[in-house]
Protein backbone atom coordinates (compact mmCIF):
# COMPACT_ATOMS: atom_id res chain seq x y z
CA UNK A 1 178.05 22.21 -16.07
CA UNK A 2 177.10 19.20 -13.99
CA UNK A 3 176.98 16.19 -16.32
CA UNK A 4 175.62 13.92 -13.57
CA UNK A 5 172.27 15.70 -13.89
CA UNK A 6 171.92 14.51 -17.48
CA UNK A 7 171.91 10.87 -16.35
CA UNK A 8 168.51 11.55 -14.77
CA UNK A 9 167.14 14.10 -17.22
CA UNK A 10 164.00 12.00 -17.83
CA UNK A 11 163.45 11.17 -14.15
CA UNK A 12 161.14 13.57 -12.24
CA UNK A 13 162.74 15.29 -9.27
CA UNK A 14 160.00 14.84 -6.66
CA UNK A 15 158.83 11.47 -5.32
CA UNK A 16 155.17 12.27 -6.04
CA UNK A 17 155.95 12.98 -9.69
CA UNK A 18 158.03 9.81 -9.99
CA UNK A 19 155.24 7.66 -8.54
CA UNK A 20 152.68 9.36 -10.78
CA UNK A 21 154.93 8.80 -13.79
CA UNK A 22 155.16 5.08 -13.02
CA UNK A 23 151.40 4.68 -12.55
CA UNK A 24 150.33 6.38 -15.80
CA UNK A 25 148.98 4.20 -18.59
CA UNK A 26 151.83 4.65 -21.03
CA UNK A 27 154.41 3.75 -18.37
CA UNK A 28 152.42 1.00 -16.64
CA UNK A 29 154.30 -1.67 -18.53
CA UNK A 30 157.52 -0.24 -17.15
CA UNK A 31 156.07 -0.19 -13.63
CA UNK A 32 155.09 -3.86 -13.94
CA UNK A 33 158.60 -4.76 -15.04
CA UNK A 34 160.00 -2.65 -12.21
CA UNK A 35 157.83 -4.46 -9.65
CA UNK A 36 159.02 -7.81 -11.00
CA UNK A 37 162.58 -6.57 -10.68
CA UNK A 38 161.97 -5.51 -7.06
CA UNK A 39 160.45 -8.92 -6.27
CA UNK A 40 163.83 -10.53 -6.86
CA UNK A 41 166.64 -10.37 -4.34
CA UNK A 42 170.21 -9.51 -5.42
CA UNK A 43 170.80 -13.25 -5.75
CA UNK A 44 167.69 -13.59 -7.89
CA UNK A 45 168.70 -10.68 -10.12
CA UNK A 46 172.10 -12.22 -10.68
CA UNK A 47 170.40 -15.53 -11.50
CA UNK A 48 168.09 -13.72 -13.92
CA UNK A 49 171.10 -12.22 -15.68
CA UNK A 50 172.65 -15.66 -15.98
CA UNK A 51 169.28 -16.94 -17.28
CA UNK A 52 169.43 -14.40 -20.12
CA UNK A 53 173.02 -15.44 -20.86
CA UNK A 54 172.06 -19.11 -20.90
CA UNK A 55 169.20 -18.31 -23.28
CA UNK A 56 171.67 -16.66 -25.65
CA UNK A 57 173.91 -19.74 -25.48
CA UNK A 58 170.90 -21.84 -26.41
CA UNK A 59 171.32 -20.70 -29.99
CA UNK A 60 173.98 -23.39 -30.18
CA UNK A 61 171.68 -26.38 -30.76
CA UNK A 62 174.56 -28.86 -30.48
CA UNK A 63 174.90 -28.39 -26.70
CA UNK A 64 171.85 -29.87 -24.92
CA UNK A 65 173.26 -29.14 -21.45
CA UNK A 66 172.50 -25.45 -22.08
CA UNK A 67 168.76 -26.21 -22.39
CA UNK A 68 168.81 -28.22 -19.18
CA UNK A 69 170.50 -25.42 -17.27
CA UNK A 70 168.16 -22.80 -18.75
CA UNK A 71 165.11 -24.89 -17.82
CA UNK A 72 166.38 -25.42 -14.29
CA UNK A 73 166.91 -21.69 -13.75
CA UNK A 74 163.50 -20.96 -15.26
CA UNK A 75 161.86 -23.37 -12.84
CA UNK A 76 163.61 -21.87 -9.81
CA UNK A 77 162.71 -18.28 -10.69
CA UNK A 78 159.15 -19.17 -11.68
CA UNK A 79 158.49 -21.21 -8.54
CA UNK A 80 159.87 -18.45 -6.33
CA UNK A 81 157.62 -15.85 -7.96
CA UNK A 82 154.55 -18.07 -7.67
CA UNK A 83 155.10 -18.70 -3.94
CA UNK A 84 155.51 -15.00 -3.08
CA UNK A 85 151.92 -14.52 -1.92
CA UNK A 86 152.40 -16.93 1.00
CA UNK A 87 155.23 -14.79 2.40
CA UNK A 88 153.31 -11.57 2.93
CA UNK A 89 153.59 -9.32 6.02
CA UNK A 90 149.96 -8.55 6.87
CA UNK A 91 150.62 -7.24 10.39
CA UNK A 92 153.81 -5.24 9.82
CA UNK A 93 153.64 -1.43 9.53
CA UNK A 94 156.55 0.66 8.24
CA UNK A 95 157.18 4.30 9.23
CA UNK A 96 160.07 6.52 8.20
CA UNK A 97 161.34 9.80 9.64
CA UNK A 98 164.20 12.13 8.75
CA UNK A 99 165.46 15.61 9.74
CA UNK A 100 163.67 18.55 8.16
CA UNK A 101 166.87 19.93 6.66
CA UNK A 102 170.44 18.87 5.99
CA UNK A 103 173.47 20.62 4.55
CA UNK A 104 174.97 19.76 1.19
CA UNK A 105 177.41 16.87 1.54
CA UNK A 106 176.43 16.09 5.15
CA UNK A 107 174.97 12.59 5.71
CA UNK A 108 171.29 12.43 6.51
CA UNK A 109 169.88 9.46 8.42
CA UNK A 110 166.50 7.94 7.60
CA UNK A 111 164.99 6.17 10.58
CA UNK A 112 162.80 3.28 9.37
CA UNK A 113 160.61 1.80 12.12
CA UNK A 114 159.05 -1.69 11.76
CA UNK A 115 156.04 -2.29 14.02
CA UNK A 116 154.93 -5.91 14.29
CA UNK A 117 151.84 -6.52 16.46
CA UNK A 118 151.45 -10.01 14.96
CA UNK A 119 153.47 -13.24 15.15
CA UNK A 120 157.22 -13.53 14.81
CA UNK A 121 158.65 -13.01 11.30
CA UNK A 122 162.06 -14.06 10.00
CA UNK A 123 164.33 -13.07 7.10
CA UNK A 124 163.21 -9.47 6.65
CA UNK A 125 164.77 -7.41 3.86
CA UNK A 126 164.51 -3.61 3.45
CA UNK A 127 164.67 -2.08 -0.02
CA UNK A 128 165.82 1.54 -0.04
CA UNK A 129 164.19 3.87 -2.60
CA UNK A 130 165.72 5.22 -5.78
CA UNK A 131 167.73 8.42 -5.28
CA UNK A 132 167.89 11.43 -7.54
CA UNK A 133 171.03 12.31 -9.49
CA UNK A 134 172.68 14.13 -6.58
CA UNK A 135 172.05 11.43 -3.96
CA UNK A 136 174.33 8.62 -2.85
CA UNK A 137 173.80 6.02 -0.15
CA UNK A 138 176.49 5.79 2.51
CA UNK A 139 175.09 2.81 4.42
CA UNK A 140 171.83 0.85 4.51
CA UNK A 141 170.54 -1.77 6.94
CA UNK A 142 169.25 -4.21 4.34
CA UNK A 143 168.69 -7.41 6.34
CA UNK A 144 166.92 -8.20 9.62
CA UNK A 145 167.14 -11.86 10.72
CA UNK A 146 164.20 -11.82 13.15
CA UNK A 147 161.32 -9.44 13.76
CA UNK A 148 159.91 -10.52 17.14
CA UNK A 149 156.24 -10.60 17.94
CA UNK A 150 154.70 -7.52 19.58
CA UNK A 151 157.87 -5.54 18.92
CA UNK A 152 159.19 -2.40 17.26
CA UNK A 153 162.55 -2.55 15.44
CA UNK A 154 164.44 0.33 13.85
CA UNK A 155 166.54 0.15 10.71
CA UNK A 156 168.67 2.98 9.35
CA UNK A 157 169.70 4.26 5.94
CA UNK A 158 172.25 7.04 5.49
CA UNK A 159 172.74 9.11 2.32
CA UNK A 160 174.36 12.32 1.13
CA UNK A 161 173.11 14.90 -1.38
CA UNK A 162 175.20 17.32 -3.40
CA UNK A 163 172.52 19.70 -4.70
CA UNK A 164 170.48 22.32 -2.86
CA UNK A 165 166.70 22.40 -2.86
CA UNK A 166 163.65 20.44 -1.87
CA UNK A 167 164.08 16.65 -1.95
CA UNK A 168 161.71 13.76 -1.47
CA UNK A 169 162.16 10.00 -1.52
CA UNK A 170 159.80 7.30 -2.66
CA UNK A 171 158.63 4.85 0.04
CA UNK A 172 160.97 2.46 1.80
CA UNK A 173 159.82 -1.13 1.21
CA UNK A 174 160.07 -4.11 3.54
CA UNK A 175 159.66 -7.71 2.35
CA UNK A 176 160.08 -11.24 3.64
CA UNK A 177 162.58 -13.41 1.78
CA UNK A 178 161.69 -16.89 0.48
CA UNK A 179 163.74 -19.88 1.66
CA UNK A 180 165.91 -20.11 -1.45
CA UNK A 181 166.69 -16.39 -1.29
CA UNK A 182 165.80 -15.84 -4.96
CA UNK A 183 162.65 -13.75 -4.45
CA UNK A 184 160.82 -11.95 -1.68
CA UNK A 185 157.18 -11.68 -0.69
CA UNK A 186 154.81 -8.73 -1.22
CA UNK A 187 156.15 -5.41 -0.03
CA UNK A 188 154.99 -3.21 2.82
CA UNK A 189 155.67 0.43 2.04
CA UNK A 190 156.30 3.46 4.18
CA UNK A 191 155.17 6.97 3.40
CA UNK A 192 157.01 9.52 1.28
CA UNK A 193 159.71 11.39 3.20
CA UNK A 194 160.54 14.99 2.28
CA UNK A 195 163.37 17.24 3.45
CA UNK A 196 165.31 20.32 2.41
CA UNK A 197 168.96 20.35 1.42
CA UNK A 198 170.45 23.71 2.42
CA UNK A 199 173.79 25.09 1.23
CA UNK A 200 176.94 24.38 3.17
CA UNK A 201 178.84 27.45 4.30
CA UNK A 202 182.33 28.33 5.48
CA UNK A 203 183.08 29.56 8.98
CA UNK A 204 183.71 33.30 8.86
CA UNK A 205 185.69 34.58 11.83
CA UNK A 206 185.51 38.29 10.99
CA UNK A 207 183.84 40.57 8.48
CA UNK A 208 185.20 44.11 8.56
CA UNK A 209 183.19 46.94 7.12
CA UNK A 210 182.71 50.60 7.98
CA UNK A 211 179.21 50.09 9.33
CA UNK A 212 177.30 52.71 11.27
CA UNK A 213 175.20 52.05 14.37
CA UNK A 214 171.64 53.20 14.03
CA UNK A 215 169.33 54.12 16.91
CA UNK A 216 166.03 52.27 17.04
CA UNK A 217 163.72 53.89 19.60
CA UNK A 218 161.63 51.42 21.56
CA UNK A 219 163.78 48.41 20.78
CA UNK A 220 163.27 45.89 18.00
CA UNK A 221 159.91 44.31 17.14
CA UNK A 222 159.73 40.59 17.93
CA UNK A 223 162.65 40.89 20.35
CA UNK A 224 162.72 39.02 23.64
CA UNK A 225 162.14 42.32 25.50
CA UNK A 226 159.33 44.56 24.33
CA UNK A 227 158.49 48.14 25.19
CA UNK A 228 161.24 50.52 26.24
CA UNK A 229 164.84 49.76 25.32
CA UNK A 230 166.80 47.82 27.94
CA UNK A 231 170.31 49.24 27.32
CA UNK A 232 171.71 50.04 30.80
CA UNK A 233 173.43 53.44 30.90
CA UNK A 234 174.20 53.61 34.64
CA UNK A 235 172.65 54.31 38.03
CA UNK A 236 171.67 57.49 39.88
CA UNK A 237 170.20 58.44 43.25
CA UNK A 238 166.53 57.72 43.81
CA UNK A 239 164.10 60.60 43.29
CA UNK A 240 160.45 60.80 44.25
CA UNK A 241 158.31 59.29 41.51
CA UNK A 242 160.87 56.77 40.22
CA UNK A 243 159.59 53.26 39.59
CA UNK A 244 160.25 50.75 42.31
CA UNK A 245 161.17 48.05 39.78
CA UNK A 246 164.12 50.21 38.62
CA UNK A 247 165.81 50.14 42.04
CA UNK A 248 169.38 48.81 41.91
CA UNK A 249 169.76 46.63 45.00
CA UNK A 250 173.54 46.23 44.85
CA UNK A 251 174.28 49.95 44.72
CA UNK A 252 171.72 50.59 47.46
CA UNK A 253 173.31 47.95 49.67
CA UNK A 254 176.85 49.22 49.04
CA UNK A 255 176.17 52.93 49.58
CA UNK A 256 173.17 52.82 51.89
CA UNK A 257 171.33 55.27 49.61
CA UNK A 258 168.56 54.09 47.23
CA UNK A 259 169.66 54.16 43.58
CA UNK A 260 167.74 53.43 40.39
CA UNK A 261 168.90 52.14 37.02
CA UNK A 262 169.03 54.46 34.01
CA UNK A 263 168.38 53.23 30.47
CA UNK A 264 169.17 54.58 27.03
CA UNK A 265 167.89 53.79 23.59
CA UNK A 266 169.69 50.85 22.02
CA UNK A 267 171.90 51.16 18.98
CA UNK A 268 171.91 48.30 16.49
CA UNK A 269 174.07 47.24 13.59
CA UNK A 270 171.38 46.58 10.98
CA UNK A 271 172.62 45.09 7.73
CA UNK A 272 171.25 43.97 4.40
CA UNK A 273 172.63 41.14 2.25
CA UNK A 274 172.33 41.26 -1.53
CA UNK A 275 173.08 38.10 -3.54
CA UNK A 276 173.65 38.48 -7.27
CA UNK A 277 172.11 35.42 -8.98
CA UNK A 278 173.62 36.09 -12.39
CA UNK A 279 175.61 33.05 -13.55
CA UNK A 280 178.40 33.50 -16.06
CA UNK A 281 179.08 30.67 -18.51
CA UNK A 282 178.29 27.01 -17.97
CA UNK A 283 180.29 26.55 -14.78
CA UNK A 284 178.11 26.26 -11.68
CA UNK A 285 180.95 26.28 -9.15
CA UNK A 286 181.33 30.09 -8.71
CA UNK A 287 177.56 30.55 -8.52
CA UNK A 288 177.21 27.85 -5.86
CA UNK A 289 180.22 29.33 -4.09
CA UNK A 290 178.48 32.71 -3.93
CA UNK A 291 175.43 31.09 -2.33
CA UNK A 292 177.67 29.26 0.14
CA UNK A 293 179.48 32.49 1.03
CA UNK A 294 176.15 34.29 1.49
CA UNK A 295 175.08 31.60 3.94
CA UNK A 296 178.39 31.98 5.77
CA UNK A 297 177.96 35.76 6.03
CA UNK A 298 174.41 35.28 7.30
CA UNK A 299 175.60 32.79 9.92
CA UNK A 300 178.40 35.11 11.03
CA UNK A 301 176.13 38.12 11.40
CA UNK A 302 173.39 36.13 13.12
CA UNK A 303 175.87 34.96 15.75
CA UNK A 304 177.21 38.48 16.38
CA UNK A 305 175.65 41.58 17.88
CA UNK A 306 173.97 42.52 14.58
CA UNK A 307 170.61 42.30 12.85
CA UNK A 308 169.99 41.18 9.28
CA UNK A 309 166.85 42.94 8.09
CA UNK A 310 166.93 42.31 4.33
CA UNK A 311 168.00 39.36 2.20
CA UNK A 312 167.90 40.08 -1.52
CA UNK A 313 168.41 37.17 -3.93
CA UNK A 314 168.66 38.67 -7.37
CA UNK A 315 165.72 41.05 -7.62
CA UNK A 316 163.58 39.35 -4.97
CA UNK A 317 163.44 40.88 -1.51
CA UNK A 318 162.78 39.13 1.78
CA UNK A 319 162.17 41.19 4.90
CA UNK A 320 163.89 39.37 7.74
CA UNK A 321 164.97 40.15 11.27
CA UNK A 322 167.72 37.69 12.14
CA UNK A 323 170.21 38.06 14.96
CA UNK A 324 170.34 39.00 18.64
CA UNK A 325 167.90 36.21 19.57
CA UNK A 326 165.41 37.51 17.01
CA UNK A 327 164.26 35.22 14.19
CA UNK A 328 166.05 32.08 13.17
CA UNK A 329 169.09 31.55 11.01
CA UNK A 330 167.36 28.58 9.35
CA UNK A 331 164.91 31.00 7.71
CA UNK A 332 167.72 32.46 5.63
CA UNK A 333 169.12 29.03 4.81
CA UNK A 334 165.72 27.86 3.58
CA UNK A 335 165.53 30.83 1.22
CA UNK A 336 169.07 30.28 -0.08
CA UNK A 337 168.33 26.59 -0.67
CA UNK A 338 165.81 27.50 -3.37
CA UNK A 339 167.90 30.11 -5.22
CA UNK A 340 168.27 29.53 -8.97
CA UNK A 341 170.31 31.46 -11.58
CA UNK A 342 168.47 34.51 -12.87
CA UNK A 343 168.75 38.02 -14.24
CA UNK A 344 171.41 40.54 -13.19
CA UNK A 345 170.68 43.02 -10.43
CA UNK A 346 168.40 45.87 -11.49
CA UNK A 347 169.17 49.13 -9.77
CA UNK A 348 165.66 50.52 -10.16
CA UNK A 349 163.94 47.72 -8.29
CA UNK A 350 166.60 47.45 -5.59
CA UNK A 351 166.64 51.21 -5.00
CA UNK A 352 162.86 51.28 -4.57
CA UNK A 353 163.05 48.73 -1.79
CA UNK A 354 166.25 49.87 -0.08
CA UNK A 355 165.24 53.53 0.05
CA UNK A 356 162.64 52.70 2.71
CA UNK A 357 165.36 51.19 4.95
CA UNK A 358 168.12 53.75 4.44
CA UNK A 359 167.53 55.57 7.72
CA UNK A 360 168.06 52.46 9.83
CA UNK A 361 170.53 50.61 7.58
CA UNK A 362 174.06 50.26 8.97
CA UNK A 363 175.57 48.67 5.90
CA UNK A 364 175.09 46.38 2.91
CA UNK A 365 177.01 43.23 1.95
CA UNK A 366 176.89 42.30 -1.76
CA UNK A 367 177.92 38.78 -2.76
CA UNK A 368 178.37 37.93 -6.43
CA UNK A 369 180.20 35.53 -8.72
CA UNK A 370 180.70 38.18 -11.42
CA UNK A 371 181.91 41.76 -10.98
CA UNK A 372 179.93 43.68 -13.60
CA UNK A 373 178.08 46.91 -14.26
CA UNK A 374 174.93 45.84 -12.41
CA UNK A 375 176.80 45.17 -9.15
CA UNK A 376 178.87 48.32 -9.60
CA UNK A 377 175.72 50.46 -9.97
CA UNK A 378 174.15 49.05 -6.80
CA UNK A 379 177.36 49.72 -4.90
CA UNK A 380 177.58 53.31 -6.14
CA UNK A 381 173.94 53.94 -5.22
CA UNK A 382 174.53 52.78 -1.64
CA UNK A 383 177.64 54.95 -1.32
CA UNK A 384 175.74 57.98 -2.60
CA UNK A 385 173.24 57.46 0.23
CA UNK A 386 176.06 57.18 2.81
CA UNK A 387 175.50 53.46 3.36
CA UNK A 388 178.76 51.49 3.77
CA UNK A 389 179.11 48.62 1.28
CA UNK A 390 181.23 45.48 1.27
CA UNK A 391 181.42 43.60 -2.06
CA UNK A 392 182.55 39.94 -2.03
CA UNK A 393 183.29 38.33 -5.40
CA UNK A 394 183.58 34.53 -5.59
CA UNK A 395 185.91 33.34 -8.35
CA UNK A 396 187.74 30.18 -9.34
CA UNK A 397 191.11 31.80 -8.80
CA UNK A 398 192.06 35.23 -7.58
CA UNK A 399 193.23 37.64 -10.28
CA UNK A 400 195.78 40.43 -10.03
CA UNK A 401 193.18 42.97 -11.12
CA UNK A 402 191.98 44.75 -7.98
CA UNK A 403 188.86 46.90 -7.74
CA UNK A 404 188.32 49.51 -5.08
CA UNK A 405 186.10 48.17 -2.30
CA UNK A 406 185.94 44.66 -3.77
CA UNK A 407 187.26 41.51 -2.05
CA UNK A 408 187.94 38.37 -4.07
CA UNK A 409 187.22 35.01 -2.50
CA UNK A 410 188.39 31.93 -4.36
CA UNK A 411 186.67 28.55 -4.31
CA UNK A 412 189.70 27.15 -2.51
CA UNK A 413 189.24 29.74 0.25
CA UNK A 414 185.67 28.57 0.82
CA UNK A 415 186.89 25.03 1.44
CA UNK A 416 189.61 25.92 3.92
CA UNK A 417 188.94 24.15 7.22
CA UNK A 418 190.35 27.03 9.25
CA UNK A 419 187.69 29.43 7.96
CA UNK A 420 187.81 32.94 6.52
CA UNK A 421 188.83 36.38 7.75
CA UNK A 422 187.17 38.97 5.51
């Protein structure tokens, strides 16, 4: 169980929902207080805290110096807030950009661009937006001494996120500080920035399984070459009627006799990946480890001479064609980023979908965080249909109990920098 999530249980996850929550009637008083809080600089907020402390000390009516100090602080804060309107940024425009996706735990950089077609502006301060429970700022460019006229200046904010899924941030805000540094002028806001946090994955060097190569006449749809298969089998002497484009110039030049290239139908290693989304107990670590391992297997297969046709997350099927310059590995990562715990695998539904791919399936990889009856039934069904199966079980620690055809992968193995050999 992740207790950090409970610190933000009342805070909406998306930026649009958070902004809508602040603008509703019953929370408008909170939004007004929040805007007043944002109008103060860190120095002003510290002074406000001291103002509250001085007010509490004012209960001692024998010390008049407390009232003088409290009145002085009140005057400074009040005057700074009243003069804010004269420190606006009417000509400044703020834009923000960020990568479309980032891995869990990897820093993401937000590029905040300040465009100033108007006169020179000094003492610029950038306020970074509130992060969700899994976010943490690494570094933020908070202060810009001078924003020249007719210029474009870039500021950067870097943060990390520890949870998968779709993320969005509220606008970045830019203000101009008042001379005393207690408050800042009206804000100029950027747009909402959205991105996807995909699972991190270990580097898998090898994945051994008794797969079978399957012939696919005519090649693979969506491949870089269409039409007849382009697997070169050899060369032979030219015969009348052969296509001129099949002539092999090197053999012709070496032997002096025209030769043509011969092709054969290609054989592919076509695999399916099944992810069991059943989560046992309150611990999220094995479940997240299973998703991370699935991403690692997908990355390994996509980089090799193999095709991933099916990705099954729980009882949901996605028809993919990833590998051998076909499709994109990011498609699988995007699907894994949205996976949530669910029901155990159901053999009936999986069999109905896999039976249509049996003839061209070379093997199936099953990744789970719990070795149970549902996973065992799916494995037995694949073996009965002569489809090789590799079962990977993610656990906290490896146990001495070994199951036939099952490989245990501990959470410590997933974090090894040297990678995995499965």
